Amino acid sequence: MKWQEVQQIFPNQFVKFEIIHSEERDSQEFIDDVAVIGPVSDEEATKELLNSKEKTLIYHTSKDRVIVKVRKNVGLRRYL
């Protein structure tokens, strides 16, 4: 489902979805095709996002496009 369709079905609310297709450019992931899992209340949005795994995200439909900043794995240092 395209993001514009999700915006029409779930106007002005958080939505939980799985990424079906995206493109990565300039350290950003542009998501254009999603599988909607369902709406998420404002109160539960942060909790749901923190518990998201793999290709699952929470995003607000007021945003025109779904763009996520890509962070490369940062190595952990251990000081002795």
PDB file of N, CA and C in Angstrom:
ATOM      1  N   MET A   1       0.849  -1.164   0.000  1.00  0.00           N
ATOM      2  CA  MET A   1       0.000   0.000   0.000  1.00  0.00           C
ATOM      3  C   MET A   1       0.904   1.239   0.000  1.00  0.00           C
ATOM      4  N   LYS A   2       0.587   2.195  -0.817  1.00  0.00           N
ATOM      5  CA  LYS A   2       1.347   3.436  -0.890  1.00  0.00           C
ATOM      6  C   LYS A   2       0.987   4.333   0.299  1.00  0.00           C
ATOM      7  N   TRP A   3       1.939   5.186   0.700  1.00  0.00           N
ATOM      8  CA  TRP A   3       1.756   6.041   1.868  1.00  0.00           C
ATOM      9  C   TRP A   3       0.548   6.968   1.716  1.00  0.00           C
ATOM     10  N   GLN A   4       0.290   7.469   0.517  1.00  0.00           N
ATOM     11  CA  GLN A   4      -0.850   8.355   0.284  1.00  0.00           C
ATOM     12  C   GLN A   4      -2.173   7.644   0.586  1.00  0.00           C
ATOM     13  N   GLU A   5      -2.249   6.364   0.295  1.00  0.00           N
ATOM     14  CA  GLU A   5      -3.437   5.578   0.605  1.00  0.00           C
ATOM     15  C   GLU A   5      -3.609   5.435   2.115  1.00  0.00           C
ATOM     16  N   VAL A   6      -2.500   5.201   2.812  1.00  0.00           N
ATOM     17  CA  VAL A   6      -2.540   5.067   4.277  1.00  0.00           C
ATOM     18  C   VAL A   6      -3.035   6.379   4.887  1.00  0.00           C
ATOM     19  N   GLN A   7      -2.572   7.507   4.359  1.00  0.00           N
ATOM     20  CA  GLN A   7      -2.999   8.820   4.859  1.00  0.00           C
ATOM     21  C   GLN A   7      -4.499   9.026   4.693  1.00  0.00           C
ATOM     22  N   GLN A   8      -5.058   8.550   3.612  1.00  0.00           N
ATOM     23  CA  GLN A   8      -6.497   8.703   3.373  1.00  0.00           C
ATOM     24  C   GLN A   8      -7.322   7.814   4.301  1.00  0.00           C
ATOM     25  N   ILE A   9      -6.848   6.603   4.554  1.00  0.00           N
ATOM     26  CA  ILE A   9      -7.590   5.661   5.393  1.00  0.00           C
ATOM     27  C   ILE A   9      -7.462   6.007   6.873  1.00  0.00           C
ATOM     28  N   PHE A  10      -6.274   6.462   7.295  1.00  0.00           N
ATOM     29  CA  PHE A  10      -6.004   6.784   8.701  1.00  0.00           C
ATOM     30  C   PHE A  10      -5.535   8.236   8.831  1.00  0.00           C
ATOM     31  N   PRO A  11      -6.417   9.203   8.604  1.00  0.00           N
ATOM     32  CA  PRO A  11      -5.984  10.607   8.638  1.00  0.00           C
ATOM     33  C   PRO A  11      -5.560  11.072  10.037  1.00  0.00           C
ATOM     34  N   ASN A  12      -4.439  11.798  10.083  1.00  0.00           N
ATOM     35  CA  ASN A  12      -3.966  12.477  11.282  1.00  0.00           C
ATOM     36  C   ASN A  12      -3.856  11.567  12.514  1.00  0.00           C
ATOM     37  N   GLN A  13      -3.185  10.419  12.343  1.00  0.00           N
ATOM     38  CA  GLN A  13      -2.966   9.521  13.475  1.00  0.00           C
ATOM     39  C   GLN A  13      -1.713   8.671  13.245  1.00  0.00           C
ATOM     40  N   PHE A  14      -1.247   8.053  14.306  1.00  0.00           N
ATOM     41  CA  PHE A  14      -0.107   7.155  14.206  1.00  0.00           C
ATOM     42  C   PHE A  14      -0.570   5.819  13.643  1.00  0.00           C
ATOM     43  N   VAL A  15       0.298   5.227  12.813  1.00  0.00           N
ATOM     44  CA  VAL A  15      -0.005   3.944  12.188  1.00  0.00           C
ATOM     45  C   VAL A  15       1.211   3.035  12.335  1.00  0.00           C
ATOM     46  N   LYS A  16       0.946   1.781  12.646  1.00  0.00           N
ATOM     47  CA  LYS A  16       2.007   0.768  12.712  1.00  0.00           C
ATOM     48  C   LYS A  16       1.991   0.009  11.393  1.00  0.00           C
ATOM     49  N   PHE A  17       3.184  -0.159  10.800  1.00  0.00           N
ATOM     50  CA  PHE A  17       3.246  -0.845   9.513  1.00  0.00           C
ATOM     51  C   PHE A  17       4.566  -1.575   9.348  1.00  0.00           C
ATOM     52  N   GLU A  18       4.584  -2.467   8.374  1.00  0.00           N
ATOM     53  CA  GLU A  18       5.801  -3.179   8.004  1.00  0.00           C
ATOM     54  C   GLU A  18       6.259  -2.636   6.657  1.00  0.00           C
ATOM     55  N   ILE A  19       7.557  -2.414   6.522  1.00  0.00           N
ATOM     56  CA  ILE A  19       8.114  -1.881   5.278  1.00  0.00           C
ATOM     57  C   ILE A  19       8.153  -2.987   4.225  1.00  0.00           C
ATOM     58  N   ILE A  20       7.539  -2.715   3.083  1.00  0.00           N
ATOM     59  CA  ILE A  20       7.543  -3.657   1.964  1.00  0.00           C
ATOM     60  C   ILE A  20       8.644  -3.272   0.972  1.00  0.00           C
ATOM     61  N   HIS A  21       8.740  -1.967   0.666  1.00  0.00           N
ATOM     62  CA  HIS A  21       9.761  -1.497  -0.272  1.00  0.00           C
ATOM     63  C   HIS A  21      10.268  -0.131   0.153  1.00  0.00           C
ATOM     64  N   SER A  22      11.580   0.052   0.043  1.00  0.00           N
ATOM     65  CA  SER A  22      12.195   1.347   0.350  1.00  0.00           C
ATOM     66  C   SER A  22      13.477   1.495  -0.451  1.00  0.00           C
ATOM     67  N   GLU A  23      13.963   2.730  -0.529  1.00  0.00           N
ATOM     68  CA  GLU A  23      15.226   3.017  -1.203  1.00  0.00           C
ATOM     69  C   GLU A  23      16.085   3.836  -0.262  1.00  0.00           C
ATOM     70  N   GLU A  24      17.378   3.531  -0.236  1.00  0.00           N
ATOM     71  CA  GLU A  24      18.298   4.255   0.633  1.00  0.00           C
ATOM     72  C   GLU A  24      19.158   5.182  -0.208  1.00  0.00           C
ATOM     73  N   ARG A  25      19.149   6.482   0.177  1.00  0.00           N
ATOM     74  CA  ARG A  25      19.967   7.490  -0.497  1.00  0.00           C
ATOM     75  C   ARG A  25      20.459   8.481   0.538  1.00  0.00           C
ATOM     76  N   ASP A  26      21.719   8.835   0.454  1.00  0.00           N
ATOM     77  CA  ASP A  26      22.289   9.883   1.306  1.00  0.00           C
ATOM     78  C   ASP A  26      21.959   9.692   2.788  1.00  0.00           C
ATOM     79  N   SER A  27      22.179   8.520   3.307  1.00  0.00           N
ATOM     80  CA  SER A  27      21.940   8.193   4.722  1.00  0.00           C
ATOM     81  C   SER A  27      20.478   8.335   5.134  1.00  0.00           C
ATOM     82  N   GLN A  28      19.582   8.223   4.178  1.00  0.00           N
ATOM     83  CA  GLN A  28      18.149   8.253   4.476  1.00  0.00           C
ATOM     84  C   GLN A  28      17.461   7.102   3.755  1.00  0.00           C
ATOM     85  N   GLU A  29      16.447   6.538   4.409  1.00  0.00           N
ATOM     86  CA  GLU A  29      15.643   5.477   3.802  1.00  0.00           C
ATOM     87  C   GLU A  29      14.284   6.064   3.445  1.00  0.00           C
ATOM     88  N   PHE A  30      13.966   6.062   2.160  1.00  0.00           N
ATOM     89  CA  PHE A  30      12.695   6.577   1.666  1.00  0.00           C
ATOM     90  C   PHE A  30      11.755   5.387   1.493  1.00  0.00           C
ATOM     91  N   ILE A  31      10.729   5.344   2.316  1.00  0.00           N
ATOM     92  CA  ILE A  31       9.800   4.207   2.335  1.00  0.00           C
ATOM     93  C   ILE A  31       8.586   4.562   1.492  1.00  0.00           C
ATOM     94  N   ASP A  32       8.300   3.713   0.495  1.00  0.00           N
ATOM     95  CA  ASP A  32       7.190   4.042  -0.392  1.00  0.00           C
ATOM     96  C   ASP A  32       6.095   2.984  -0.463  1.00  0.00           C
ATOM     97  N   ASP A  33       6.343   1.805   0.076  1.00  0.00           N
ATOM     98  CA  ASP A  33       5.327   0.758   0.049  1.00  0.00           C
ATOM     99  C   ASP A  33       5.303   0.060   1.409  1.00  0.00           C
ATOM    100  N   VAL A  34       4.117   0.006   2.031  1.00  0.00           N
ATOM    101  CA  VAL A  34       3.997  -0.547   3.382  1.00  0.00           C
ATOM    102  C   VAL A  34       2.810  -1.502   3.481  1.00  0.00           C
ATOM    103  N   ALA A  35       2.846  -2.354   4.503  1.00  0.00           N
ATOM    104  CA  ALA A  35       1.721  -3.221   4.854  1.00  0.00           C
ATOM    105  C   ALA A  35       1.240  -2.752   6.221  1.00  0.00           C
ATOM    106  N   VAL A  36       0.069  -2.151   6.269  1.00  0.00           N
ATOM    107  CA  VAL A  36      -0.452  -1.580   7.504  1.00  0.00           C
ATOM    108  C   VAL A  36      -0.862  -2.675   8.477  1.00  0.00           C
ATOM    109  N   ILE A  37      -0.404  -2.531   9.715  1.00  0.00           N
ATOM    110  CA  ILE A  37      -0.800  -3.436  10.789  1.00  0.00           C
ATOM    111  C   ILE A  37      -2.013  -2.855  11.500  1.00  0.00           C
ATOM    112  N   GLY A  38      -2.013  -1.533  11.707  1.00  0.00           N
ATOM    113  CA  GLY A  38      -3.171  -0.884  12.313  1.00  0.00           C
ATOM    114  C   GLY A  38      -2.828   0.466  12.920  1.00  0.00           C
ATOM    115  N   PRO A  39      -3.863   1.203  13.318  1.00  0.00           N
ATOM    116  CA  PRO A  39      -3.640   2.502  13.967  1.00  0.00           C
ATOM    117  C   PRO A  39      -3.118   2.309  15.389  1.00  0.00           C
ATOM    118  N   VAL A  40      -2.414   3.331  15.886  1.00  0.00           N
ATOM    119  CA  VAL A  40      -1.857   3.311  17.233  1.00  0.00           C
ATOM    120  C   VAL A  40      -2.263   4.608  17.913  1.00  0.00           C
ATOM    121  N   SER A  41      -2.726   4.525  19.160  1.00  0.00           N
ATOM    122  CA  SER A  41      -3.127   5.729  19.882  1.00  0.00           C
ATOM    123  C   SER A  41      -1.911   6.600  20.178  1.00  0.00           C
ATOM    124  N   ASP A  42      -2.135   7.892  20.354  1.00  0.00           N
ATOM    125  CA  ASP A  42      -1.054   8.820  20.667  1.00  0.00           C
ATOM    126  C   ASP A  42      -0.315   8.392  21.932  1.00  0.00           C
ATOM    127  N   GLU A  43      -1.057   7.897  22.911  1.00  0.00           N
ATOM    128  CA  GLU A  43      -0.472   7.505  24.187  1.00  0.00           C
ATOM    129  C   GLU A  43       0.444   6.292  24.051  1.00  0.00           C
ATOM    130  N   GLU A  44       0.169   5.409  23.105  1.00  0.00           N
ATOM    131  CA  GLU A  44       0.938   4.170  22.943  1.00  0.00           C
ATOM    132  C   GLU A  44       2.014   4.259  21.861  1.00  0.00           C
ATOM    133  N   ALA A  45       2.064   5.340  21.106  1.00  0.00           N
ATOM    134  CA  ALA A  45       2.954   5.435  19.950  1.00  0.00           C
ATOM    135  C   ALA A  45       4.426   5.263  20.317  1.00  0.00           C
ATOM    136  N   THR A  46       4.899   5.973  21.328  1.00  0.00           N
ATOM    137  CA  THR A  46       6.315   5.879  21.702  1.00  0.00           C
ATOM    138  C   THR A  46       6.660   4.475  22.183  1.00  0.00           C
ATOM    139  N   LYS A  47       5.811   3.898  23.013  1.00  0.00           N
ATOM    140  CA  LYS A  47       6.045   2.544  23.525  1.00  0.00           C
ATOM    141  C   LYS A  47       6.103   1.542  22.374  1.00  0.00           C
ATOM    142  N   GLU A  48       5.171   1.656  21.436  1.00  0.00           N
ATOM    143  CA  GLU A  48       5.137   0.749  20.283  1.00  0.00           C
ATOM    144  C   GLU A  48       6.388   0.913  19.420  1.00  0.00           C
ATOM    145  N   LEU A  49       6.829   2.156  19.225  1.00  0.00           N
ATOM    146  CA  LEU A  49       8.019   2.400  18.414  1.00  0.00           C
ATOM    147  C   LEU A  49       9.261   1.791  19.062  1.00  0.00           C
ATOM    148  N   LEU A  50       9.395   1.976  20.367  1.00  0.00           N
ATOM    149  CA  LEU A  50      10.551   1.421  21.070  1.00  0.00           C
ATOM    150  C   LEU A  50      10.571  -0.099  21.043  1.00  0.00           C
ATOM    151  N   ASN A  51       9.407  -0.712  20.934  1.00  0.00           N
ATOM    152  CA  ASN A  51       9.316  -2.175  20.890  1.00  0.00           C
ATOM    153  C   ASN A  51       9.313  -2.723  19.466  1.00  0.00           C
ATOM    154  N   SER A  52       9.408  -1.856  18.471  1.00  0.00           N
ATOM    155  CA  SER A  52       9.392  -2.288  17.072  1.00  0.00           C
ATOM    156  C   SER A  52      10.678  -3.023  16.731  1.00  0.00           C
ATOM    157  N   LYS A  53      10.547  -3.996  15.863  1.00  0.00           N
ATOM    158  CA  LYS A  53      11.698  -4.787  15.446  1.00  0.00           C
ATOM    159  C   LYS A  53      11.746  -4.867  13.926  1.00  0.00           C
ATOM    160  N   GLU A  54      12.974  -5.102  13.441  1.00  0.00           N
ATOM    161  CA  GLU A  54      13.208  -5.342  12.016  1.00  0.00           C
ATOM    162  C   GLU A  54      12.601  -4.240  11.139  1.00  0.00           C
ATOM    163  N   LYS A  55      11.644  -4.595  10.317  1.00  0.00           N
ATOM    164  CA  LYS A  55      11.072  -3.670   9.335  1.00  0.00           C
ATOM    165  C   LYS A  55       9.725  -3.084   9.777  1.00  0.00           C
ATOM    166  N   THR A  56       9.454  -3.065  11.075  1.00  0.00           N
ATOM    167  CA  THR A  56       8.198  -2.523  11.585  1.00  0.00           C
ATOM    168  C   THR A  56       8.431  -1.120  12.139  1.00  0.00           C
ATOM    169  N   LEU A  57       7.556  -0.180  11.776  1.00  0.00           N
ATOM    170  CA  LEU A  57       7.678   1.206  12.222  1.00  0.00           C
ATOM    171  C   LEU A  57       6.338   1.764  12.677  1.00  0.00           C
ATOM    172  N   ILE A  58       6.415   2.860  13.428  1.00  0.00           N
ATOM    173  CA  ILE A  58       5.248   3.651  13.798  1.00  0.00           C
ATOM    174  C   ILE A  58       5.499   5.031  13.203  1.00  0.00           C
ATOM    175  N   TYR A  59       4.533   5.587  12.495  1.00  0.00           N
ATOM    176  CA  TYR A  59       4.720   6.885  11.848  1.00  0.00           C
ATOM    177  C   TYR A  59       3.387   7.620  11.830  1.00  0.00           C
ATOM    178  N   HIS A  60       3.439   8.942  11.836  1.00  0.00           N
ATOM    179  CA  HIS A  60       2.216   9.750  11.855  1.00  0.00           C
ATOM    180  C   HIS A  60       1.815  10.109  10.425  1.00  0.00           C
ATOM    181  N   THR A  61       0.544   9.972  10.117  1.00  0.00           N
ATOM    182  CA  THR A  61       0.066  10.195   8.756  1.00  0.00           C
ATOM    183  C   THR A  61       0.014  11.662   8.355  1.00  0.00           C
ATOM    184  N   SER A  62       0.321  12.577   9.261  1.00  0.00           N
ATOM    185  CA  SER A  62       0.367  13.985   8.884  1.00  0.00           C
ATOM    186  C   SER A  62       1.626  14.284   8.062  1.00  0.00           C
ATOM    187  N   LYS A  63       2.595  13.384   8.086  1.00  0.00           N
ATOM    188  CA  LYS A  63       3.835  13.549   7.323  1.00  0.00           C
ATOM    189  C   LYS A  63       3.597  13.166   5.866  1.00  0.00           C
ATOM    190  N   ASP A  64       4.110  13.988   4.941  1.00  0.00           N
ATOM    191  CA  ASP A  64       3.904  13.752   3.512  1.00  0.00           C
ATOM    192  C   ASP A  64       4.596  12.499   2.995  1.00  0.00           C
ATOM    193  N   ARG A  65       5.787  12.228   3.533  1.00  0.00           N
ATOM    194  CA  ARG A  65       6.551  11.063   3.106  1.00  0.00           C
ATOM    195  C   ARG A  65       7.136  10.373   4.328  1.00  0.00           C
ATOM    196  N   VAL A  66       7.414   9.083   4.176  1.00  0.00           N
ATOM    197  CA  VAL A  66       8.063   8.337   5.253  1.00  0.00           C
ATOM    198  C   VAL A  66       9.556   8.296   4.933  1.00  0.00           C
ATOM    199  N   ILE A  67      10.313   9.056   5.733  1.00  0.00           N
ATOM    200  CA  ILE A  67      11.762   9.127   5.559  1.00  0.00           C
ATOM    201  C   ILE A  67      12.407   8.855   6.909  1.00  0.00           C
ATOM    202  N   VAL A  68      13.337   7.905   6.925  1.00  0.00           N
ATOM    203  CA  VAL A  68      14.005   7.516   8.156  1.00  0.00           C
ATOM    204  C   VAL A  68      15.500   7.726   7.985  1.00  0.00           C
ATOM    205  N   LYS A  69      16.129   8.357   8.975  1.00  0.00           N
ATOM    206  CA  LYS A  69      17.576   8.546   8.939  1.00  0.00           C
ATOM    207  C   LYS A  69      18.244   7.211   9.230  1.00  0.00           C
ATOM    208  N   VAL A  70      19.193   6.839   8.384  1.00  0.00           N
ATOM    209  CA  VAL A  70      19.890   5.570   8.521  1.00  0.00           C
ATOM    210  C   VAL A  70      21.179   5.802   9.293  1.00  0.00           C
ATOM    211  N   ARG A  71      21.336   5.059  10.359  1.00  0.00           N
ATOM    212  CA  ARG A  71      22.558   5.135  11.160  1.00  0.00           C
ATOM    213  C   ARG A  71      23.304   3.831  11.000  1.00  0.00           C
ATOM    214  N   LYS A  72      24.548   3.946  10.657  1.00  0.00           N
ATOM    215  CA  LYS A  72      25.381   2.748  10.530  1.00  0.00           C
ATOM    216  C   LYS A  72      25.682   2.233  11.931  1.00  0.00           C
ATOM    217  N   ASN A  73      25.895   0.935  12.049  1.00  0.00           N
ATOM    218  CA  ASN A  73      26.215   0.346  13.351  1.00  0.00           C
ATOM    219  C   ASN A  73      27.458   1.002  13.928  1.00  0.00           C
ATOM    220  N   VAL A  74      27.311   1.454  15.135  1.00  0.00           N
ATOM    221  CA  VAL A  74      28.420   2.093  15.825  1.00  0.00           C
ATOM    222  C   VAL A  74      29.058   1.052  16.737  1.00  0.00           C
ATOM    223  N   GLY A  75      30.365   0.890  16.625  1.00  0.00           N
ATOM    224  CA  GLY A  75      31.055  -0.086  17.457  1.00  0.00           C
ATOM    225  C   GLY A  75      31.089   0.351  18.907  1.00  0.00           C
ATOM    226  N   LEU A  76      31.030  -0.587  19.783  1.00  0.00           N
ATOM    227  CA  LEU A  76      31.093  -0.303  21.215  1.00  0.00           C
ATOM    228  C   LEU A  76      32.540  -0.409  21.679  1.00  0.00           C
ATOM    229  N   ARG A  77      32.909   0.500  22.550  1.00  0.00           N
ATOM    230  CA  ARG A  77      34.265   0.466  23.112  1.00  0.00           C
ATOM    231  C   ARG A  77      34.183  -0.023  24.539  1.00  0.00           C
ATOM    232  N   ARG A  78      35.187  -0.758  24.877  1.00  0.00           N
ATOM    233  CA  ARG A  78      35.236  -1.264  26.250  1.00  0.00           C
ATOM    234  C   ARG A  78      36.529  -0.780  26.891  1.00  0.00           C
ATOM    235  N   TYR A  79      36.382  -0.054  27.950  1.00  0.00           N
ATOM    236  CA  TYR A  79      37.555   0.467  28.644  1.00  0.00           C
ATOM    237  C   TYR A  79      37.852  -0.422  29.849  1.00  0.00           C
ATOM    238  N   LEU A  80      39.101  -0.755  29.987  1.00  0.00           N
ATOM    239  CA  LEU A  80      39.510  -1.607  31.111  1.00  0.00           C
ATOM    240  C   LEU A  80      40.220  -0.793  32.159  1.00  0.00           C
TER     241      LEU A  80
END
